[in-house]
Amino acid sequence: EPLRIFGKYSAQERKKRVIDMLDRVGLPPEYAKRKPRELSGGQRQRVG
């Protein structure tokens, strides 16, 4: 969402940056499809 608001990147670049950032905080790519209620407290803080 912050990248969409910023409006600088294409949809493809945004998706790539999201997966890269999830990896940096220790979450596998498939977590991108999950909703917050499906995550533990620690995983939600990693998303934050």
All heavy atoms as atom14 arrays in JSON, in Angstrom:
{
  "sequence": "EPLRIFGKYSAQERKKRVIDMLDRVGLPPEYAKRKPRELSGGQRQRVG",
  "atom14_mask": [
    [1, 1, 1, 1, 1, 1, 1, 1, 1, 0, 0, 0, 0, 0],
    [1, 1, 1, 1, 1, 1, 1, 0, 0, 0, 0, 0, 0, 0],
    [1, 1, 1, 1, 1, 1, 1, 1, 0, 0, 0, 0, 0, 0],
    [1, 1, 1, 1, 1, 1, 1, 1, 1, 1, 1, 0, 0, 0],
    [1, 1, 1, 1, 1, 1, 1, 1, 0, 0, 0, 0, 0, 0],
    [1, 1, 1, 1, 1, 1, 1, 1, 1, 1, 1, 0, 0, 0],
    [1, 1, 1, 1, 0, 0, 0, 0, 0, 0, 0, 0, 0, 0],
    [1, 1, 1, 1, 1, 1, 1, 1, 1, 0, 0, 0, 0, 0],
    [1, 1, 1, 1, 1, 1, 1, 1, 1, 1, 1, 1, 0, 0],
    [1, 1, 1, 1, 1, 1, 0, 0, 0, 0, 0, 0, 0, 0],
    [1, 1, 1, 1, 1, 0, 0, 0, 0, 0, 0, 0, 0, 0],
    [1, 1, 1, 1, 1, 1, 1, 1, 1, 0, 0, 0, 0, 0],
    [1, 1, 1, 1, 1, 1, 1, 1, 1, 0, 0, 0, 0, 0],
    [1, 1, 1, 1, 1, 1, 1, 1, 1, 1, 1, 0, 0, 0],
    [1, 1, 1, 1, 1, 1, 1, 1, 1, 0, 0, 0, 0, 0],
    [1, 1, 1, 1, 1, 1, 1, 1, 1, 0, 0, 0, 0, 0],
    [1, 1, 1, 1, 1, 1, 1, 1, 1, 1, 1, 0, 0, 0],
    [1, 1, 1, 1, 1, 1, 1, 0, 0, 0, 0, 0, 0, 0],
    [1, 1, 1, 1, 1, 1, 1, 1, 0, 0, 0, 0, 0, 0],
    [1, 1, 1, 1, 1, 1, 1, 1, 0, 0, 0, 0, 0, 0],
    [1, 1, 1, 1, 1, 1, 1, 1, 0, 0, 0, 0, 0, 0],
    [1, 1, 1, 1, 1, 1, 1, 1, 0, 0, 0, 0, 0, 0],
    [1, 1, 1, 1, 1, 1, 1, 1, 0, 0, 0, 0, 0, 0],
    [1, 1, 1, 1, 1, 1, 1, 1, 1, 1, 1, 0, 0, 0],
    [1, 1, 1, 1, 1, 1, 1, 0, 0, 0, 0, 0, 0, 0],
    [1, 1, 1, 1, 0, 0, 0, 0, 0, 0, 0, 0, 0, 0],
    [1, 1, 1, 1, 1, 1, 1, 1, 0, 0, 0, 0, 0, 0],
    [1, 1, 1, 1, 1, 1, 1, 0, 0, 0, 0, 0, 0, 0],
    [1, 1, 1, 1, 1, 1, 1, 0, 0, 0, 0, 0, 0, 0],
    [1, 1, 1, 1, 1, 1, 1, 1, 1, 0, 0, 0, 0, 0],
    [1, 1, 1, 1, 1, 1, 1, 1, 1, 1, 1, 1, 0, 0],
    [1, 1, 1, 1, 1, 0, 0, 0, 0, 0, 0, 0, 0, 0],
    [1, 1, 1, 1, 1, 1, 1, 1, 1, 0, 0, 0, 0, 0],
    [1, 1, 1, 1, 1, 1, 1, 1, 1, 1, 1, 0, 0, 0],
    [1, 1, 1, 1, 1, 1, 1, 1, 1, 0, 0, 0, 0, 0],
    [1, 1, 1, 1, 1, 1, 1, 0, 0, 0, 0, 0, 0, 0],
    [1, 1, 1, 1, 1, 1, 1, 1, 1, 1, 1, 0, 0, 0],
    [1, 1, 1, 1, 1, 1, 1, 1, 1, 0, 0, 0, 0, 0],
    [1, 1, 1, 1, 1, 1, 1, 1, 0, 0, 0, 0, 0, 0],
    [1, 1, 1, 1, 1, 1, 0, 0, 0, 0, 0, 0, 0, 0],
    [1, 1, 1, 1, 0, 0, 0, 0, 0, 0, 0, 0, 0, 0],
    [1, 1, 1, 1, 0, 0, 0, 0, 0, 0, 0, 0, 0, 0],
    [1, 1, 1, 1, 1, 1, 1, 1, 1, 0, 0, 0, 0, 0],
    [1, 1, 1, 1, 1, 1, 1, 1, 1, 1, 1, 0, 0, 0],
    [1, 1, 1, 1, 1, 1, 1, 1, 1, 0, 0, 0, 0, 0],
    [1, 1, 1, 1, 1, 1, 1, 1, 1, 1, 1, 0, 0, 0],
    [1, 1, 1, 1, 1, 1, 1, 0, 0, 0, 0, 0, 0, 0],
    [1, 1, 1, 1, 0, 0, 0, 0, 0, 0, 0, 0, 0, 0]
  ],
  "atom14_positions": [
    [[0.8, -1.23, 0.0], [0.0, 0.0, 0.0], [0.83, 1.28, 0.0], [0.53, 2.21, -0.77], [-0.97, 0.01, 1.18], [-1.9, 1.22, 1.17], [-2.9, 1.2, 2.29], [-2.65, 0.53, 3.31], [-3.93, 1.89, 2.16], [0.0, 0.0, 0.0], [0.0, 0.0, 0.0], [0.0, 0.0, 0.0], [0.0, 0.0, 0.0], [0.0, 0.0, 0.0]],
    [[1.88, 1.41, 0.84], [2.66, 2.66, 0.79], [3.27, 2.93, -0.58], [3.4, 4.09, -0.99], [3.75, 2.44, 1.86], [3.16, 1.43, 2.78], [2.35, 0.52, 1.92], [0.0, 0.0, 0.0], [0.0, 0.0, 0.0], [0.0, 0.0, 0.0], [0.0, 0.0, 0.0], [0.0, 0.0, 0.0], [0.0, 0.0, 0.0], [0.0, 0.0, 0.0]],
    [[3.64, 1.88, -1.31], [4.21, 2.06, -2.65], [3.15, 2.51, -3.64], [3.42, 3.31, -4.54], [4.85, 0.75, -3.13], [6.05, 0.24, -2.31], [6.57, -1.06, -2.91], [7.15, 1.28, -2.24], [0.0, 0.0, 0.0], [0.0, 0.0, 0.0], [0.0, 0.0, 0.0], [0.0, 0.0, 0.0], [0.0, 0.0, 0.0], [0.0, 0.0, 0.0]],
    [[1.92, 2.01, -3.47], [0.83, 2.47, -4.34], [0.55, 3.95, -4.11], [0.35, 4.72, -5.04], [-0.44, 1.65, -4.08], [-0.42, 0.26, -4.67], [-1.82, -0.35, -4.67], [-2.35, -0.45, -3.33], [-2.15, -1.5, -2.51], [-1.44, -2.55, -2.95], [-2.66, -1.53, -1.31], [0.0, 0.0, 0.0], [0.0, 0.0, 0.0], [0.0, 0.0, 0.0]],
    [[0.54, 4.34, -2.82], [0.28, 5.74, -2.49], [1.4, 6.63, -3.03], [1.15, 7.7, -3.57], [0.14, 5.9, -0.96], [-1.11, 5.16, -0.48], [0.07, 7.37, -0.57], [-1.22, 5.08, 1.03], [0.0, 0.0, 0.0], [0.0, 0.0, 0.0], [0.0, 0.0, 0.0], [0.0, 0.0, 0.0], [0.0, 0.0, 0.0], [0.0, 0.0, 0.0]],
    [[2.63, 6.14, -2.89], [3.79, 6.9, -3.37], [3.74, 7.08, -4.89], [4.13, 8.1, -5.42], [5.06, 6.18, -2.94], [6.32, 6.95, -3.16], [6.44, 8.26, -2.73], [7.4, 6.35, -3.78], [7.62, 8.97, -2.92], [8.58, 7.05, -3.98], [8.68, 8.37, -3.55], [0.0, 0.0, 0.0], [0.0, 0.0, 0.0], [0.0, 0.0, 0.0]],
    [[3.24, 6.02, -5.58], [2.98, 6.13, -7.01], [4.18, 6.15, -7.92], [4.09, 6.56, -9.07], [0.0, 0.0, 0.0], [0.0, 0.0, 0.0], [0.0, 0.0, 0.0], [0.0, 0.0, 0.0], [0.0, 0.0, 0.0], [0.0, 0.0, 0.0], [0.0, 0.0, 0.0], [0.0, 0.0, 0.0], [0.0, 0.0, 0.0], [0.0, 0.0, 0.0]],
    [[5.32, 5.68, -7.43], [6.54, 5.77, -8.23], [6.82, 4.52, -9.04], [7.5, 4.57, -10.08], [7.72, 6.08, -7.3], [9.06, 6.25, -8.01], [10.16, 6.57, -7.0], [11.52, 6.72, -7.68], [12.6, 7.03, -6.73], [0.0, 0.0, 0.0], [0.0, 0.0, 0.0], [0.0, 0.0, 0.0], [0.0, 0.0, 0.0], [0.0, 0.0, 0.0]],
    [[6.31, 3.38, -8.59], [6.72, 2.1, -9.16], [5.58, 1.44, -9.94], [4.4, 1.62, -9.63], [7.19, 1.16, -8.05], [8.27, 1.74, -7.18], [8.0, 2.19, -5.9], [9.58, 1.84, -7.66], [8.99, 2.73, -5.11], [10.58, 2.39, -6.88], [10.28, 2.83, -5.6], [11.26, 3.37, -4.82], [0.0, 0.0, 0.0], [0.0, 0.0, 0.0]],
    [[5.95, 0.62, -10.92], [4.98, -0.17, -11.66], [4.45, -1.29, -10.76], [5.05, -1.61, -9.72], [5.63, -0.79, -12.89], [6.6, -1.75, -12.51], [0.0, 0.0, 0.0], [0.0, 0.0, 0.0], [0.0, 0.0, 0.0], [0.0, 0.0, 0.0], [0.0, 0.0, 0.0], [0.0, 0.0, 0.0], [0.0, 0.0, 0.0], [0.0, 0.0, 0.0]],
    [[3.35, -1.91, -11.17], [2.77, -2.99, -10.38], [3.77, -4.13, -10.23], [3.88, -4.73, -9.15], [1.48, -3.48, -11.04], [0.0, 0.0, 0.0], [0.0, 0.0, 0.0], [0.0, 0.0, 0.0], [0.0, 0.0, 0.0], [0.0, 0.0, 0.0], [0.0, 0.0, 0.0], [0.0, 0.0, 0.0], [0.0, 0.0, 0.0], [0.0, 0.0, 0.0]],
    [[4.49, -4.44, -11.29], [5.47, -5.53, -11.24], [6.6, -5.2, -10.26], [7.01, -6.06, -9.46], [6.05, -5.77, -12.63], [7.05, -6.93, -12.68], [7.56, -7.18, -14.09], [7.23, -6.45, -15.03], [8.38, -8.22, -14.24], [0.0, 0.0, 0.0], [0.0, 0.0, 0.0], [0.0, 0.0, 0.0], [0.0, 0.0, 0.0], [0.0, 0.0, 0.0]],
    [[7.09, -3.96, -10.28], [8.15, -3.57, -9.37], [7.66, -3.56, -7.93], [8.38, -3.96, -7.0], [8.69, -2.19, -9.75], [9.77, -1.65, -8.83], [11.05, -2.45, -8.84], [11.25, -3.27, -9.76], [11.86, -2.26, -7.92], [0.0, 0.0, 0.0], [0.0, 0.0, 0.0], [0.0, 0.0, 0.0], [0.0, 0.0, 0.0], [0.0, 0.0, 0.0]],
    [[6.42, -3.14, -7.71], [5.86, -3.15, -6.35], [5.81, -4.57, -5.8], [6.19, -4.8, -4.65], [4.45, -2.52, -6.35], [4.43, -1.03, -6.64], [3.13, -0.39, -6.19], [1.95, -1.05, -6.75], [1.34, -0.68, -7.87], [1.82, 0.34, -8.58], [0.25, -1.31, -8.29], [0.0, 0.0, 0.0], [0.0, 0.0, 0.0], [0.0, 0.0, 0.0]],
    [[5.33, -5.51, -6.61], [5.23, -6.9, -6.16], [6.6, -7.45, -5.81], [6.79, -8.15, -4.8], [4.58, -7.78, -7.24], [3.19, -7.35, -7.67], [2.18, -7.49, -6.55], [0.78, -7.15, -7.06], [-0.22, -7.13, -5.97], [0.0, 0.0, 0.0], [0.0, 0.0, 0.0], [0.0, 0.0, 0.0], [0.0, 0.0, 0.0], [0.0, 0.0, 0.0]],
    [[7.6, -7.11, -6.64], [8.96, -7.58, -6.4], [9.49, -7.02, -5.08], [10.12, -7.74, -4.28], [9.86, -7.15, -7.56], [11.32, -7.57, -7.42], [12.1, -7.14, -8.65], [13.56, -7.56, -8.53], [14.25, -6.89, -7.4], [0.0, 0.0, 0.0], [0.0, 0.0, 0.0], [0.0, 0.0, 0.0], [0.0, 0.0, 0.0], [0.0, 0.0, 0.0]],
    [[9.24, -5.73, -4.84], [9.71, -5.11, -3.6], [9.01, -5.7, -2.37], [9.62, -5.82, -1.31], [9.51, -3.6, -3.67], [10.52, -2.9, -4.56], [10.23, -1.42, -4.73], [11.31, -0.78, -5.48], [12.33, -0.14, -4.93], [12.41, -0.03, -3.62], [13.27, 0.41, -5.68], [0.0, 0.0, 0.0], [0.0, 0.0, 0.0], [0.0, 0.0, 0.0]],
    [[7.74, -6.03, -2.5], [7.01, -6.63, -1.38], [7.62, -7.98, -1.01], [7.88, -8.26, 0.16], [5.52, -6.78, -1.73], [4.82, -7.7, -0.72], [4.84, -5.42, -1.77], [0.0, 0.0, 0.0], [0.0, 0.0, 0.0], [0.0, 0.0, 0.0], [0.0, 0.0, 0.0], [0.0, 0.0, 0.0], [0.0, 0.0, 0.0], [0.0, 0.0, 0.0]],
    [[7.86, -8.83, -2.0], [8.43, -10.15, -1.72], [9.82, -10.02, -1.12], [10.19, -10.75, -0.18], [8.47, -11.0, -3.02], [7.05, -11.27, -3.52], [9.2, -12.32, -2.78], [6.13, -11.93, -2.5], [0.0, 0.0, 0.0], [0.0, 0.0, 0.0], [0.0, 0.0, 0.0], [0.0, 0.0, 0.0], [0.0, 0.0, 0.0], [0.0, 0.0, 0.0]],
    [[10.61, -9.08, -1.64], [11.95, -8.85, -1.1], [11.88, -8.39, 0.36], [12.65, -8.88, 1.21], [12.67, -7.79, -1.93], [14.02, -7.41, -1.33], [14.94, -8.25, -1.33], [14.15, -6.27, -0.83], [0.0, 0.0, 0.0], [0.0, 0.0, 0.0], [0.0, 0.0, 0.0], [0.0, 0.0, 0.0], [0.0, 0.0, 0.0], [0.0, 0.0, 0.0]],
    [[10.93, -7.51, 0.68], [10.83, -7.02, 2.04], [10.31, -8.09, 2.99], [10.76, -8.19, 4.14], [9.94, -5.77, 2.09], [9.95, -5.08, 3.45], [11.63, -4.64, 4.03], [12.07, -3.39, 2.82], [0.0, 0.0, 0.0], [0.0, 0.0, 0.0], [0.0, 0.0, 0.0], [0.0, 0.0, 0.0], [0.0, 0.0, 0.0], [0.0, 0.0, 0.0]],
    [[9.38, -8.91, 2.53], [8.92, -10.02, 3.37], [10.09, -10.96, 3.69], [10.22, -11.44, 4.83], [7.79, -10.79, 2.68], [6.45, -10.06, 2.56], [5.44, -10.94, 1.81], [5.9, -9.7, 3.94], [0.0, 0.0, 0.0], [0.0, 0.0, 0.0], [0.0, 0.0, 0.0], [0.0, 0.0, 0.0], [0.0, 0.0, 0.0], [0.0, 0.0, 0.0]],
    [[10.93, -11.2, 2.71], [12.1, -12.05, 2.94], [13.03, -11.41, 3.97], [13.56, -12.09, 4.85], [12.84, -12.27, 1.62], [14.1, -13.11, 1.81], [13.97, -14.29, 2.19], [15.2, -12.58, 1.59], [0.0, 0.0, 0.0], [0.0, 0.0, 0.0], [0.0, 0.0, 0.0], [0.0, 0.0, 0.0], [0.0, 0.0, 0.0], [0.0, 0.0, 0.0]],
    [[13.22, -10.1, 3.89], [14.1, -9.41, 4.82], [13.6, -9.51, 6.27], [14.4, -9.55, 7.2], [14.25, -7.94, 4.43], [15.12, -7.7, 3.21], [15.17, -6.22, 2.88], [15.87, -5.96, 1.64], [17.17, -5.75, 1.54], [17.93, -5.77, 2.62], [17.72, -5.5, 0.37], [0.0, 0.0, 0.0], [0.0, 0.0, 0.0], [0.0, 0.0, 0.0]],
    [[12.28, -9.54, 6.45], [11.74, -9.64, 7.81], [11.46, -11.08, 8.22], [10.87, -11.34, 9.28], [10.47, -8.78, 7.98], [10.77, -7.32, 7.7], [9.31, -9.29, 7.13], [0.0, 0.0, 0.0], [0.0, 0.0, 0.0], [0.0, 0.0, 0.0], [0.0, 0.0, 0.0], [0.0, 0.0, 0.0], [0.0, 0.0, 0.0], [0.0, 0.0, 0.0]],
    [[11.86, -12.04, 7.38], [11.78, -13.44, 7.77], [10.47, -14.13, 7.47], [10.12, -15.12, 8.13], [0.0, 0.0, 0.0], [0.0, 0.0, 0.0], [0.0, 0.0, 0.0], [0.0, 0.0, 0.0], [0.0, 0.0, 0.0], [0.0, 0.0, 0.0], [0.0, 0.0, 0.0], [0.0, 0.0, 0.0], [0.0, 0.0, 0.0], [0.0, 0.0, 0.0]],
    [[9.75, -13.67, 6.44], [8.49, -14.29, 6.06], [8.59, -14.81, 4.63], [9.0, -14.07, 3.73], [7.33, -13.29, 6.16], [6.99, -12.81, 7.57], [5.92, -11.73, 7.51], [6.53, -13.96, 8.46], [0.0, 0.0, 0.0], [0.0, 0.0, 0.0], [0.0, 0.0, 0.0], [0.0, 0.0, 0.0], [0.0, 0.0, 0.0], [0.0, 0.0, 0.0]],
    [[8.2, -16.08, 4.39], [8.26, -16.64, 3.04], [7.29, -15.95, 2.09], [6.32, -15.32, 2.51], [7.84, -18.11, 3.26], [8.02, -18.35, 4.72], [7.77, -17.06, 5.4], [0.0, 0.0, 0.0], [0.0, 0.0, 0.0], [0.0, 0.0, 0.0], [0.0, 0.0, 0.0], [0.0, 0.0, 0.0], [0.0, 0.0, 0.0], [0.0, 0.0, 0.0]],
    [[7.52, -16.05, 0.77], [6.68, -15.35, -0.21], [5.2, -15.69, -0.11], [4.35, -14.84, -0.35], [7.26, -15.81, -1.56], [8.66, -16.21, -1.26], [8.65, -16.75, 0.13], [0.0, 0.0, 0.0], [0.0, 0.0, 0.0], [0.0, 0.0, 0.0], [0.0, 0.0, 0.0], [0.0, 0.0, 0.0], [0.0, 0.0, 0.0], [0.0, 0.0, 0.0]],
    [[4.87, -16.94, 0.26], [3.47, -17.34, 0.32], [2.67, -16.59, 1.38], [1.44, -16.56, 1.34], [3.34, -18.85, 0.54], [4.01, -19.39, 1.79], [5.43, -19.88, 1.55], [6.07, -19.41, 0.58], [5.88, -20.73, 2.34], [0.0, 0.0, 0.0], [0.0, 0.0, 0.0], [0.0, 0.0, 0.0], [0.0, 0.0, 0.0], [0.0, 0.0, 0.0]],
    [[3.37, -15.96, 2.33], [2.66, -15.18, 3.36], [2.0, -13.95, 2.77], [1.12, -13.36, 3.4], [3.62, -14.79, 4.48], [3.78, -15.87, 5.52], [4.37, -17.08, 5.21], [3.31, -15.68, 6.82], [4.51, -18.07, 6.14], [3.44, -16.67, 7.78], [4.04, -17.87, 7.43], [4.16, -18.87, 8.36], [0.0, 0.0, 0.0], [0.0, 0.0, 0.0]],
    [[2.4, -13.55, 1.56], [1.77, -12.4, 0.92], [0.28, -12.63, 0.69], [-0.5, -11.68, 0.61], [2.47, -12.08, -0.4], [0.0, 0.0, 0.0], [0.0, 0.0, 0.0], [0.0, 0.0, 0.0], [0.0, 0.0, 0.0], [0.0, 0.0, 0.0], [0.0, 0.0, 0.0], [0.0, 0.0, 0.0], [0.0, 0.0, 0.0], [0.0, 0.0, 0.0]],
    [[-0.13, -13.89, 0.58], [-1.53, -14.22, 0.31], [-2.36, -14.39, 1.58], [-3.58, -14.56, 1.51], [-1.6, -15.49, -0.53], [-0.92, -15.36, -1.89], [-1.0, -16.67, -2.67], [-0.31, -16.53, -4.03], [-0.37, -17.79, -4.8], [0.0, 0.0, 0.0], [0.0, 0.0, 0.0], [0.0, 0.0, 0.0], [0.0, 0.0, 0.0], [0.0, 0.0, 0.0]],
    [[-1.71, -14.35, 2.74], [-2.43, -14.56, 3.99], [-3.0, -13.24, 4.52], [-2.56, -12.16, 4.14], [-1.51, -15.19, 5.04], [-0.98, -16.55, 4.62], [-0.28, -17.25, 5.76], [0.26, -18.53, 5.34], [0.84, -19.41, 6.16], [0.97, -19.11, 7.45], [1.3, -20.55, 5.71], [0.0, 0.0, 0.0], [0.0, 0.0, 0.0], [0.0, 0.0, 0.0]],
    [[-3.97, -13.37, 5.43], [-4.54, -12.21, 6.1], [-4.03, -12.16, 7.54], [-3.6, -13.18, 8.08], [-6.06, -12.26, 6.05], [-6.59, -12.06, 4.63], [-8.09, -11.94, 4.59], [-8.56, -11.62, 3.18], [-10.05, -11.5, 3.1], [0.0, 0.0, 0.0], [0.0, 0.0, 0.0], [0.0, 0.0, 0.0], [0.0, 0.0, 0.0], [0.0, 0.0, 0.0]],
    [[-4.06, -10.97, 8.15], [-3.49, -10.83, 9.5], [-4.0, -11.84, 10.52], [-3.25, -12.29, 11.38], [-3.88, -9.4, 9.88], [-3.93, -8.68, 8.58], [-4.5, -9.67, 7.6], [0.0, 0.0, 0.0], [0.0, 0.0, 0.0], [0.0, 0.0, 0.0], [0.0, 0.0, 0.0], [0.0, 0.0, 0.0], [0.0, 0.0, 0.0], [0.0, 0.0, 0.0]],
    [[-5.27, -12.22, 10.43], [-5.83, -13.16, 11.41], [-5.19, -14.54, 11.31], [-5.3, -15.34, 12.25], [-7.34, -13.27, 11.24], [-7.79, -13.88, 9.93], [-9.31, -14.08, 9.89], [-9.76, -14.63, 8.63], [-10.06, -13.91, 7.56], [-9.96, -12.58, 7.61], [-10.46, -14.5, 6.44], [0.0, 0.0, 0.0], [0.0, 0.0, 0.0], [0.0, 0.0, 0.0]],
    [[-4.54, -14.84, 10.2], [-3.9, -16.14, 10.0], [-2.47, -16.16, 10.53], [-1.8, -17.19, 10.44], [-3.89, -16.48, 8.51], [-5.26, -16.55, 7.87], [-5.19, -16.8, 6.38], [-4.84, -17.93, 5.98], [-5.45, -15.86, 5.62], [0.0, 0.0, 0.0], [0.0, 0.0, 0.0], [0.0, 0.0, 0.0], [0.0, 0.0, 0.0], [0.0, 0.0, 0.0]],
    [[-2.0, -15.06, 11.08], [-0.62, -14.95, 11.53], [-0.54, -14.92, 13.04], [-1.47, -14.49, 13.73], [0.02, -13.67, 10.97], [-0.06, -13.44, 9.47], [0.64, -12.14, 9.11], [0.53, -14.61, 8.7], [0.0, 0.0, 0.0], [0.0, 0.0, 0.0], [0.0, 0.0, 0.0], [0.0, 0.0, 0.0], [0.0, 0.0, 0.0], [0.0, 0.0, 0.0]],
    [[0.6, -15.32, 13.57], [0.89, -15.18, 15.0], [1.23, -13.73, 15.3], [1.44, -12.91, 14.4], [2.06, -16.07, 15.38], [3.26, -15.59, 14.79], [0.0, 0.0, 0.0], [0.0, 0.0, 0.0], [0.0, 0.0, 0.0], [0.0, 0.0, 0.0], [0.0, 0.0, 0.0], [0.0, 0.0, 0.0], [0.0, 0.0, 0.0], [0.0, 0.0, 0.0]],
    [[1.31, -13.4, 16.59], [1.66, -12.04, 16.98], [3.01, -11.62, 16.45], [3.19, -10.49, 15.96], [0.0, 0.0, 0.0], [0.0, 0.0, 0.0], [0.0, 0.0, 0.0], [0.0, 0.0, 0.0], [0.0, 0.0, 0.0], [0.0, 0.0, 0.0], [0.0, 0.0, 0.0], [0.0, 0.0, 0.0], [0.0, 0.0, 0.0], [0.0, 0.0, 0.0]],
    [[3.99, -12.5, 16.53], [5.31, -12.18, 16.03], [5.33, -11.99, 14.53], [6.01, -11.1, 14.01], [0.0, 0.0, 0.0], [0.0, 0.0, 0.0], [0.0, 0.0, 0.0], [0.0, 0.0, 0.0], [0.0, 0.0, 0.0], [0.0, 0.0, 0.0], [0.0, 0.0, 0.0], [0.0, 0.0, 0.0], [0.0, 0.0, 0.0], [0.0, 0.0, 0.0]],
    [[4.57, -12.82, 13.8], [4.5, -12.68, 12.35], [3.82, -11.37, 11.96], [4.23, -10.69, 11.02], [3.75, -13.87, 11.76], [4.54, -15.17, 11.83], [3.7, -16.39, 11.53], [2.45, -16.35, 11.57], [4.35, -17.5, 11.22], [0.0, 0.0, 0.0], [0.0, 0.0, 0.0], [0.0, 0.0, 0.0], [0.0, 0.0, 0.0], [0.0, 0.0, 0.0]],
    [[2.78, -10.98, 12.71], [2.11, -9.72, 12.43], [3.06, -8.54, 12.66], [3.05, -7.57, 11.89], [0.85, -9.57, 13.3], [-0.29, -10.48, 12.87], [-1.61, -10.06, 13.49], [-1.68, -10.31, 14.91], [-2.22, -11.4, 15.46], [-2.74, -12.35, 14.68], [-2.26, -11.55, 16.77], [0.0, 0.0, 0.0], [0.0, 0.0, 0.0], [0.0, 0.0, 0.0]],
    [[3.89, -8.63, 13.7], [4.83, -7.55, 13.92], [5.87, -7.5, 12.82], [6.33, -6.41, 12.43], [5.49, -7.67, 15.29], [6.26, -6.43, 15.73], [5.4, -5.17, 15.77], [4.97, -4.66, 14.75], [5.16, -4.68, 16.98], [0.0, 0.0, 0.0], [0.0, 0.0, 0.0], [0.0, 0.0, 0.0], [0.0, 0.0, 0.0], [0.0, 0.0, 0.0]],
    [[6.26, -8.65, 12.28], [7.17, -8.66, 11.14], [6.55, -7.96, 9.93], [7.22, -7.23, 9.2], [7.56, -10.1, 10.78], [8.48, -10.75, 11.81], [8.73, -12.22, 11.5], [9.45, -12.88, 12.58], [10.77, -12.97, 12.66], [11.53, -12.49, 11.68], [11.35, -13.57, 13.68], [0.0, 0.0, 0.0], [0.0, 0.0, 0.0], [0.0, 0.0, 0.0]],
    [[5.24, -8.18, 9.75], [4.54, -7.48, 8.67], [4.54, -5.97, 8.93], [4.78, -5.17, 8.03], [3.09, -8.0, 8.52], [2.32, -7.16, 7.49], [3.1, -9.46, 8.09], [0.0, 0.0, 0.0], [0.0, 0.0, 0.0], [0.0, 0.0, 0.0], [0.0, 0.0, 0.0], [0.0, 0.0, 0.0], [0.0, 0.0, 0.0], [0.0, 0.0, 0.0]],
    [[4.29, -5.59, 10.19], [4.31, -4.17, 10.53], [5.66, -3.53, 10.26], [5.73, -2.38, 9.79], [0.0, 0.0, 0.0], [0.0, 0.0, 0.0], [0.0, 0.0, 0.0], [0.0, 0.0, 0.0], [0.0, 0.0, 0.0], [0.0, 0.0, 0.0], [0.0, 0.0, 0.0], [0.0, 0.0, 0.0], [0.0, 0.0, 0.0], [0.0, 0.0, 0.0]]
  ]
}
